Amino acid sequence: MKKYNDTITIGTISGIIAAIVMTLMDWILLLSGIQFTPPWVVAGNILLNTDVLYTPAGILIGYIVQFLLGSGLGVIVTIVIRLTGKDYYLIKGLGVSSLFYIGNTGIMQTLVNIAPWMRSEISSTLMALINFIVLGVLSSLIIAKYYEFNNKPNSQR
């Protein structure tokens, strides 16, 4: 398998793949009858008013924002693993995603009033935690497998 030595590339790829897996997991749970606010609705509410979130365009925008946020998480996990080493990569991915969970769900959503109804939905809050765990752990797993760890800058190769 090809290994990548570019931090941004592997971070973006790992984050998007992890976000796709997370989305599929959430779709299965929603189709099985478990009720919670899906992450693409929360992501869409970053840019859109509540009344257009469940329209086809609103859902599409929500997916796009969700995958962009997933790629950002993947890049940060890659940077952390690059700076601290490959050992314990799953714990590092879990740590970064846990900080993102607190920062996103606990602080940012409250400060800028994103999906305020979620603060009354225990199932949505728990699913957000599970989603962030999936994102961080899966991203770090992909990074550990496909990132070429060398500390030389690109200009010295």
N, C-alpha and C. Protein backbone atom coordinates (compact mmCIF):
# COMPACT_ATOMS: atom_id res chain seq x y z
N MET A 1 0.84 -1.18 0.00
CA MET A 1 0.00 0.00 0.00
C MET A 1 0.88 1.24 0.00
N LYS A 2 0.38 2.25 -0.67
CA LYS A 2 1.12 3.51 -0.73
C LYS A 2 1.10 4.20 0.63
N LYS A 3 2.25 4.72 1.02
CA LYS A 3 2.35 5.51 2.25
C LYS A 3 2.47 6.98 1.84
N TYR A 4 1.88 7.83 2.64
CA TYR A 4 1.89 9.26 2.38
C TYR A 4 2.84 9.94 3.35
N ASN A 5 3.59 10.91 2.87
CA ASN A 5 4.48 11.64 3.76
C ASN A 5 4.05 13.09 3.94
N ASP A 6 2.90 13.43 3.45
CA ASP A 6 2.37 14.78 3.58
C ASP A 6 1.33 14.80 4.70
N THR A 7 1.57 15.60 5.70
CA THR A 7 0.72 15.65 6.89
C THR A 7 -0.71 16.07 6.56
N ILE A 8 -0.86 17.08 5.75
CA ILE A 8 -2.20 17.59 5.42
C ILE A 8 -2.97 16.56 4.60
N THR A 9 -2.30 15.93 3.64
CA THR A 9 -2.97 14.95 2.78
C THR A 9 -3.49 13.77 3.58
N ILE A 10 -2.63 13.13 4.36
CA ILE A 10 -3.07 11.95 5.11
C ILE A 10 -4.08 12.34 6.18
N GLY A 11 -3.93 13.51 6.77
CA GLY A 11 -4.90 13.97 7.76
C GLY A 11 -6.27 14.18 7.14
N THR A 12 -6.29 14.81 5.98
CA THR A 12 -7.56 15.05 5.28
C THR A 12 -8.21 13.73 4.88
N ILE A 13 -7.43 12.85 4.28
CA ILE A 13 -7.97 11.56 3.85
C ILE A 13 -8.48 10.76 5.04
N SER A 14 -7.70 10.68 6.10
CA SER A 14 -8.12 9.89 7.26
C SER A 14 -9.37 10.47 7.91
N GLY A 15 -9.45 11.79 7.99
CA GLY A 15 -10.62 12.42 8.60
C GLY A 15 -11.88 12.22 7.78
N ILE A 16 -11.76 12.31 6.46
CA ILE A 16 -12.94 12.12 5.61
C ILE A 16 -13.40 10.67 5.65
N ILE A 17 -12.46 9.73 5.59
CA ILE A 17 -12.83 8.31 5.68
C ILE A 17 -13.51 8.03 7.02
N ALA A 18 -12.95 8.54 8.09
CA ALA A 18 -13.55 8.34 9.42
C ALA A 18 -14.94 8.97 9.48
N ALA A 19 -15.12 10.14 8.86
CA ALA A 19 -16.44 10.79 8.85
C ALA A 19 -17.44 10.00 8.02
N ILE A 20 -16.99 9.38 6.94
CA ILE A 20 -17.89 8.53 6.14
C ILE A 20 -18.34 7.33 6.95
N VAL A 21 -17.40 6.67 7.63
CA VAL A 21 -17.75 5.52 8.47
C VAL A 21 -18.73 5.94 9.57
N MET A 22 -18.44 7.07 10.20
CA MET A 22 -19.32 7.59 11.24
C MET A 22 -20.72 7.86 10.69
N THR A 23 -20.81 8.44 9.51
CA THR A 23 -22.09 8.74 8.89
C THR A 23 -22.87 7.46 8.60
N LEU A 24 -22.19 6.45 8.07
CA LEU A 24 -22.86 5.17 7.81
C LEU A 24 -23.37 4.55 9.10
N MET A 25 -22.56 4.60 10.15
CA MET A 25 -22.96 4.09 11.46
C MET A 25 -24.21 4.82 11.95
N ASP A 26 -24.22 6.14 11.81
CA ASP A 26 -25.37 6.92 12.26
C ASP A 26 -26.62 6.61 11.44
N TRP A 27 -26.46 6.42 10.13
CA TRP A 27 -27.60 6.07 9.29
C TRP A 27 -28.20 4.75 9.73
N ILE A 28 -27.36 3.77 10.01
CA ILE A 28 -27.85 2.46 10.46
C ILE A 28 -28.62 2.60 11.77
N LEU A 29 -28.07 3.38 12.70
CA LEU A 29 -28.75 3.58 13.98
C LEU A 29 -30.07 4.31 13.81
N LEU A 30 -30.11 5.32 12.95
CA LEU A 30 -31.36 6.04 12.70
C LEU A 30 -32.40 5.13 12.05
N LEU A 31 -31.96 4.32 11.08
CA LEU A 31 -32.88 3.41 10.41
C LEU A 31 -33.38 2.31 11.34
N SER A 32 -32.61 2.00 12.37
CA SER A 32 -33.04 0.98 13.34
C SER A 32 -33.98 1.56 14.40
N GLY A 33 -34.25 2.85 14.32
CA GLY A 33 -35.24 3.45 15.21
C GLY A 33 -34.68 4.24 16.38
N ILE A 34 -33.37 4.29 16.52
CA ILE A 34 -32.77 5.07 17.60
C ILE A 34 -32.89 6.55 17.22
N GLN A 35 -33.41 7.35 18.12
CA GLN A 35 -33.65 8.76 17.81
C GLN A 35 -32.57 9.63 18.43
N PHE A 36 -31.94 10.43 17.59
CA PHE A 36 -30.95 11.41 18.01
C PHE A 36 -30.78 12.40 16.87
N THR A 37 -30.20 13.54 17.18
CA THR A 37 -29.91 14.52 16.14
C THR A 37 -28.64 14.10 15.43
N PRO A 38 -28.70 13.79 14.13
CA PRO A 38 -27.51 13.33 13.43
C PRO A 38 -26.48 14.45 13.25
N PRO A 39 -25.22 14.08 13.11
CA PRO A 39 -24.16 15.09 13.04
C PRO A 39 -24.26 16.00 11.82
N TRP A 40 -24.83 15.52 10.72
CA TRP A 40 -24.94 16.39 9.54
C TRP A 40 -25.96 17.50 9.77
N VAL A 41 -26.92 17.29 10.65
CA VAL A 41 -27.86 18.36 10.99
C VAL A 41 -27.16 19.41 11.85
N VAL A 42 -26.37 18.95 12.81
CA VAL A 42 -25.61 19.88 13.66
C VAL A 42 -24.62 20.66 12.81
N ALA A 43 -23.91 19.96 11.91
CA ALA A 43 -22.94 20.62 11.04
C ALA A 43 -23.62 21.63 10.13
N GLY A 44 -24.78 21.28 9.60
CA GLY A 44 -25.52 22.21 8.76
C GLY A 44 -25.97 23.45 9.52
N ASN A 45 -26.26 23.28 10.81
CA ASN A 45 -26.72 24.40 11.63
C ASN A 45 -25.60 25.41 11.90
N ILE A 46 -24.36 25.04 11.60
CA ILE A 46 -23.26 26.01 11.70
C ILE A 46 -23.47 27.13 10.69
N LEU A 47 -23.98 26.77 9.50
CA LEU A 47 -24.15 27.74 8.42
C LEU A 47 -25.59 28.14 8.15
N LEU A 48 -26.53 27.29 8.52
CA LEU A 48 -27.92 27.49 8.11
C LEU A 48 -28.84 27.72 9.30
N ASN A 49 -29.95 28.37 9.03
CA ASN A 49 -31.00 28.51 10.03
C ASN A 49 -31.73 27.18 10.20
N THR A 50 -32.34 27.00 11.34
CA THR A 50 -32.99 25.74 11.69
C THR A 50 -34.08 25.35 10.70
N ASP A 51 -34.80 26.30 10.15
CA ASP A 51 -35.94 25.98 9.28
C ASP A 51 -35.54 25.37 7.93
N VAL A 52 -34.29 25.42 7.55
CA VAL A 52 -33.86 24.82 6.27
C VAL A 52 -32.94 23.62 6.45
N LEU A 53 -32.72 23.18 7.67
CA LEU A 53 -31.78 22.08 7.92
C LEU A 53 -32.22 20.76 7.29
N TYR A 54 -33.52 20.50 7.26
CA TYR A 54 -34.02 19.22 6.79
C TYR A 54 -34.46 19.25 5.33
N THR A 55 -34.14 20.31 4.61
CA THR A 55 -34.39 20.36 3.17
C THR A 55 -33.26 19.60 2.47
N PRO A 56 -33.46 19.17 1.22
CA PRO A 56 -32.37 18.47 0.51
C PRO A 56 -31.07 19.29 0.47
N ALA A 57 -31.19 20.58 0.18
CA ALA A 57 -29.98 21.43 0.14
C ALA A 57 -29.37 21.57 1.52
N GLY A 58 -30.20 21.67 2.54
CA GLY A 58 -29.70 21.79 3.91
C GLY A 58 -28.95 20.54 4.35
N ILE A 59 -29.49 19.38 3.99
CA ILE A 59 -28.83 18.12 4.33
C ILE A 59 -27.51 18.00 3.57
N LEU A 60 -27.51 18.37 2.28
CA LEU A 60 -26.27 18.33 1.49
C LEU A 60 -25.20 19.24 2.11
N ILE A 61 -25.59 20.44 2.46
CA ILE A 61 -24.63 21.37 3.10
C ILE A 61 -24.15 20.79 4.42
N GLY A 62 -25.04 20.17 5.16
CA GLY A 62 -24.65 19.53 6.42
C GLY A 62 -23.60 18.44 6.22
N TYR A 63 -23.80 17.60 5.19
CA TYR A 63 -22.81 16.57 4.89
C TYR A 63 -21.46 17.18 4.52
N ILE A 64 -21.48 18.19 3.68
CA ILE A 64 -20.23 18.83 3.26
C ILE A 64 -19.50 19.40 4.46
N VAL A 65 -20.21 20.12 5.32
CA VAL A 65 -19.57 20.70 6.51
C VAL A 65 -19.07 19.60 7.44
N GLN A 66 -19.85 18.53 7.58
CA GLN A 66 -19.43 17.41 8.44
C GLN A 66 -18.12 16.80 7.94
N PHE A 67 -18.00 16.59 6.63
CA PHE A 67 -16.77 16.01 6.10
C PHE A 67 -15.60 16.98 6.18
N LEU A 68 -15.86 18.27 6.04
CA LEU A 68 -14.80 19.27 6.24
C LEU A 68 -14.31 19.26 7.69
N LEU A 69 -15.24 19.19 8.63
CA LEU A 69 -14.84 19.13 10.04
C LEU A 69 -14.09 17.83 10.34
N GLY A 70 -14.51 16.73 9.72
CA GLY A 70 -13.80 15.46 9.89
C GLY A 70 -12.38 15.55 9.36
N SER A 71 -12.21 16.21 8.22
CA SER A 71 -10.85 16.35 7.67
C SER A 71 -9.99 17.22 8.58
N GLY A 72 -10.58 18.25 9.17
CA GLY A 72 -9.83 19.09 10.11
C GLY A 72 -9.38 18.31 11.33
N LEU A 73 -10.26 17.47 11.86
CA LEU A 73 -9.88 16.63 12.99
C LEU A 73 -8.75 15.68 12.59
N GLY A 74 -8.85 15.10 11.39
CA GLY A 74 -7.81 14.20 10.91
C GLY A 74 -6.46 14.88 10.78
N VAL A 75 -6.45 16.12 10.31
CA VAL A 75 -5.19 16.87 10.19
C VAL A 75 -4.59 17.11 11.57
N ILE A 76 -5.41 17.49 12.53
CA ILE A 76 -4.88 17.75 13.87
C ILE A 76 -4.37 16.46 14.52
N VAL A 77 -5.08 15.35 14.33
CA VAL A 77 -4.59 14.06 14.85
C VAL A 77 -3.25 13.72 14.19
N THR A 78 -3.13 13.96 12.89
CA THR A 78 -1.87 13.69 12.20
C THR A 78 -0.74 14.53 12.76
N ILE A 79 -0.99 15.79 13.00
CA ILE A 79 0.04 16.68 13.56
C ILE A 79 0.46 16.20 14.94
N VAL A 80 -0.51 15.83 15.77
CA VAL A 80 -0.18 15.34 17.12
C VAL A 80 0.66 14.07 17.04
N ILE A 81 0.27 13.14 16.19
CA ILE A 81 1.04 11.89 16.06
C ILE A 81 2.41 12.16 15.47
N ARG A 82 2.49 13.07 14.52
CA ARG A 82 3.79 13.41 13.93
C ARG A 82 4.72 14.02 14.97
N LEU A 83 4.19 14.91 15.81
CA LEU A 83 5.02 15.59 16.81
C LEU A 83 5.39 14.70 17.99
N THR A 84 4.51 13.77 18.33
CA THR A 84 4.74 12.98 19.55
C THR A 84 5.15 11.54 19.29
N GLY A 85 5.11 11.10 18.04
CA GLY A 85 5.50 9.74 17.71
C GLY A 85 4.31 8.83 17.50
N LYS A 86 4.58 7.69 16.87
CA LYS A 86 3.53 6.76 16.48
C LYS A 86 3.04 5.88 17.63
N ASP A 87 3.83 5.77 18.69
CA ASP A 87 3.42 4.91 19.80
C ASP A 87 2.13 5.42 20.43
N TYR A 88 1.28 4.50 20.84
CA TYR A 88 -0.01 4.82 21.48
C TYR A 88 -0.90 5.70 20.60
N TYR A 89 -0.84 5.48 19.30
CA TYR A 89 -1.58 6.33 18.36
C TYR A 89 -3.09 6.31 18.61
N LEU A 90 -3.64 5.17 19.03
CA LEU A 90 -5.08 5.12 19.29
C LEU A 90 -5.47 6.02 20.46
N ILE A 91 -4.64 6.02 21.50
CA ILE A 91 -4.91 6.87 22.65
C ILE A 91 -4.78 8.34 22.26
N LYS A 92 -3.81 8.65 21.40
CA LYS A 92 -3.64 10.03 20.95
C LYS A 92 -4.85 10.49 20.12
N GLY A 93 -5.33 9.62 19.24
CA GLY A 93 -6.53 9.94 18.47
C GLY A 93 -7.75 10.13 19.37
N LEU A 94 -7.86 9.27 20.37
CA LEU A 94 -8.95 9.38 21.34
C LEU A 94 -8.84 10.68 22.13
N GLY A 95 -7.63 11.04 22.52
CA GLY A 95 -7.43 12.28 23.28
C GLY A 95 -7.79 13.52 22.48
N VAL A 96 -7.34 13.57 21.23
CA VAL A 96 -7.65 14.72 20.38
C VAL A 96 -9.15 14.81 20.14
N SER A 97 -9.77 13.67 19.84
CA SER A 97 -11.21 13.70 19.57
C SER A 97 -12.01 14.03 20.82
N SER A 98 -11.53 13.63 21.99
CA SER A 98 -12.21 13.99 23.24
C SER A 98 -12.15 15.49 23.48
N LEU A 99 -11.01 16.09 23.19
CA LEU A 99 -10.91 17.55 23.31
C LEU A 99 -11.83 18.24 22.31
N PHE A 100 -11.92 17.69 21.10
CA PHE A 100 -12.84 18.24 20.11
C PHE A 100 -14.28 18.12 20.59
N TYR A 101 -14.61 17.00 21.22
CA TYR A 101 -15.97 16.80 21.72
C TYR A 101 -16.32 17.87 22.75
N ILE A 102 -15.44 18.08 23.72
CA ILE A 102 -15.69 19.09 24.74
C ILE A 102 -15.72 20.48 24.10
N GLY A 103 -14.76 20.76 23.22
CA GLY A 103 -14.71 22.07 22.58
C GLY A 103 -15.90 22.34 21.69
N ASN A 104 -16.33 21.32 20.95
CA ASN A 104 -17.44 21.50 20.03
C ASN A 104 -18.78 21.43 20.74
N THR A 105 -19.06 20.30 21.36
CA THR A 105 -20.37 20.08 21.95
C THR A 105 -20.57 20.90 23.22
N GLY A 106 -19.54 21.01 24.02
CA GLY A 106 -19.69 21.70 25.29
C GLY A 106 -19.53 23.20 25.23
N ILE A 107 -18.63 23.68 24.37
CA ILE A 107 -18.32 25.11 24.38
C ILE A 107 -18.87 25.82 23.14
N MET A 108 -18.44 25.41 21.94
CA MET A 108 -18.82 26.14 20.73
C MET A 108 -20.32 26.12 20.46
N GLN A 109 -20.94 24.95 20.61
CA GLN A 109 -22.37 24.88 20.36
C GLN A 109 -23.14 25.81 21.28
N THR A 110 -22.68 25.93 22.52
CA THR A 110 -23.35 26.81 23.47
C THR A 110 -23.07 28.27 23.16
N LEU A 111 -21.82 28.60 22.87
CA LEU A 111 -21.45 30.00 22.64
C LEU A 111 -22.14 30.60 21.42
N VAL A 112 -22.19 29.84 20.34
CA VAL A 112 -22.75 30.39 19.10
C VAL A 112 -24.13 29.83 18.78
N ASN A 113 -24.73 29.14 19.73
CA ASN A 113 -26.11 28.67 19.64
C ASN A 113 -26.34 27.74 18.44
N ILE A 114 -25.45 26.78 18.27
CA ILE A 114 -25.60 25.76 17.24
C ILE A 114 -26.40 24.60 17.84
N ALA A 115 -27.46 24.21 17.17
CA ALA A 115 -28.31 23.09 17.59
C ALA A 115 -28.62 23.14 19.09
N PRO A 116 -29.23 24.24 19.55
CA PRO A 116 -29.47 24.38 20.99
C PRO A 116 -30.38 23.31 21.58
N TRP A 117 -31.23 22.70 20.77
CA TRP A 117 -32.12 21.65 21.25
C TRP A 117 -31.36 20.42 21.74
N MET A 118 -30.12 20.25 21.27
CA MET A 118 -29.34 19.07 21.68
C MET A 118 -29.04 19.06 23.17
N ARG A 119 -29.00 20.21 23.80
CA ARG A 119 -28.71 20.24 25.23
C ARG A 119 -29.83 19.60 26.04
N SER A 120 -30.98 19.36 25.42
CA SER A 120 -32.09 18.67 26.08
C SER A 120 -32.22 17.22 25.63
N GLU A 121 -31.34 16.79 24.74
CA GLU A 121 -31.40 15.42 24.20
C GLU A 121 -30.19 14.63 24.66
N ILE A 122 -30.37 13.80 25.66
CA ILE A 122 -29.27 12.98 26.18
C ILE A 122 -28.74 12.05 25.09
N SER A 123 -29.65 11.43 24.31
CA SER A 123 -29.22 10.49 23.28
C SER A 123 -28.35 11.18 22.22
N SER A 124 -28.68 12.41 21.86
CA SER A 124 -27.88 13.14 20.88
C SER A 124 -26.51 13.49 21.43
N THR A 125 -26.46 13.86 22.69
CA THR A 125 -25.18 14.19 23.32
C THR A 125 -24.29 12.95 23.42
N LEU A 126 -24.88 11.82 23.79
CA LEU A 126 -24.11 10.57 23.86
C LEU A 126 -23.65 10.13 22.47
N MET A 127 -24.51 10.29 21.46
CA MET A 127 -24.11 9.92 20.10
C MET A 127 -22.99 10.83 19.60
N ALA A 128 -23.03 12.10 19.98
CA ALA A 128 -21.93 13.00 19.60
C ALA A 128 -20.62 12.50 20.20
N LEU A 129 -20.65 12.07 21.45
CA LEU A 129 -19.44 11.53 22.08
C LEU A 129 -18.95 10.28 21.33
N ILE A 130 -19.86 9.37 21.04
CA ILE A 130 -19.49 8.15 20.31
C ILE A 130 -18.94 8.51 18.93
N ASN A 131 -19.57 9.46 18.25
CA ASN A 131 -19.10 9.88 16.93
C ASN A 131 -17.69 10.45 16.99
N PHE A 132 -17.41 11.28 17.98
CA PHE A 132 -16.06 11.84 18.11
C PHE A 132 -15.04 10.75 18.42
N ILE A 133 -15.42 9.77 19.23
CA ILE A 133 -14.51 8.65 19.52
C ILE A 133 -14.21 7.89 18.23
N VAL A 134 -15.24 7.60 17.45
CA VAL A 134 -15.05 6.90 16.17
C VAL A 134 -14.13 7.71 15.26
N LEU A 135 -14.38 9.01 15.15
CA LEU A 135 -13.55 9.87 14.30
C LEU A 135 -12.08 9.83 14.72
N GLY A 136 -11.82 10.02 16.01
CA GLY A 136 -10.44 10.08 16.47
C GLY A 136 -9.70 8.77 16.36
N VAL A 137 -10.35 7.69 16.79
CA VAL A 137 -9.70 6.38 16.78
C VAL A 137 -9.49 5.90 15.35
N LEU A 138 -10.50 6.02 14.51
CA LEU A 138 -10.36 5.56 13.12
C LEU A 138 -9.35 6.41 12.36
N SER A 139 -9.37 7.72 12.57
CA SER A 139 -8.37 8.59 11.93
C SER A 139 -6.96 8.18 12.33
N SER A 140 -6.75 7.97 13.61
CA SER A 140 -5.40 7.62 14.08
C SER A 140 -4.97 6.26 13.55
N LEU A 141 -5.91 5.34 13.41
CA LEU A 141 -5.59 4.02 12.85
C LEU A 141 -5.15 4.14 11.40
N ILE A 142 -5.86 4.94 10.62
CA ILE A 142 -5.50 5.15 9.21
C ILE A 142 -4.15 5.87 9.11
N ILE A 143 -3.95 6.86 9.95
CA ILE A 143 -2.69 7.61 9.95
C ILE A 143 -1.52 6.69 10.27
N ALA A 144 -1.66 5.89 11.31
CA ALA A 144 -0.58 4.99 11.71
C ALA A 144 -0.24 3.99 10.61
N LYS A 145 -1.24 3.59 9.85
CA LYS A 145 -1.00 2.60 8.80
C LYS A 145 -0.45 3.21 7.51
N TYR A 146 -0.88 4.42 7.16
CA TYR A 146 -0.54 4.98 5.84
C TYR A 146 0.32 6.23 5.86
N TYR A 147 0.77 6.67 7.03
CA TYR A 147 1.62 7.86 7.10
C TYR A 147 3.06 7.42 7.22
N GLU A 148 3.91 7.98 6.36
CA GLU A 148 5.34 7.67 6.40
C GLU A 148 5.99 8.61 7.40
N PHE A 149 6.42 8.05 8.50
CA PHE A 149 6.98 8.86 9.58
C PHE A 149 8.46 9.08 9.35
N ASN A 150 8.80 10.26 8.85
CA ASN A 150 10.18 10.71 8.83
C ASN A 150 10.16 12.19 9.16
N ASN A 151 11.17 12.65 9.80
CA ASN A 151 11.16 14.01 10.33
C ASN A 151 11.84 15.03 9.43
N LYS A 152 12.20 14.63 8.22
CA LYS A 152 12.85 15.57 7.32
C LYS A 152 11.80 16.43 6.63
N PRO A 153 12.01 17.73 6.58
CA PRO A 153 11.09 18.58 5.81
C PRO A 153 11.16 18.21 4.33
N ASN A 154 10.13 18.54 3.57
CA ASN A 154 10.05 18.18 2.15
C ASN A 154 11.26 18.66 1.36
N SER A 155 11.82 19.81 1.71
CA SER A 155 12.93 20.36 0.93
C SER A 155 14.22 19.56 1.11
N GLN A 156 14.32 18.71 2.13
CA GLN A 156 15.55 17.95 2.37
C GLN A 156 15.47 16.52 1.86
N ARG A 157 14.43 16.15 1.17
CA ARG A 157 14.29 14.77 0.70
C ARG A 157 14.98 14.58 -0.62
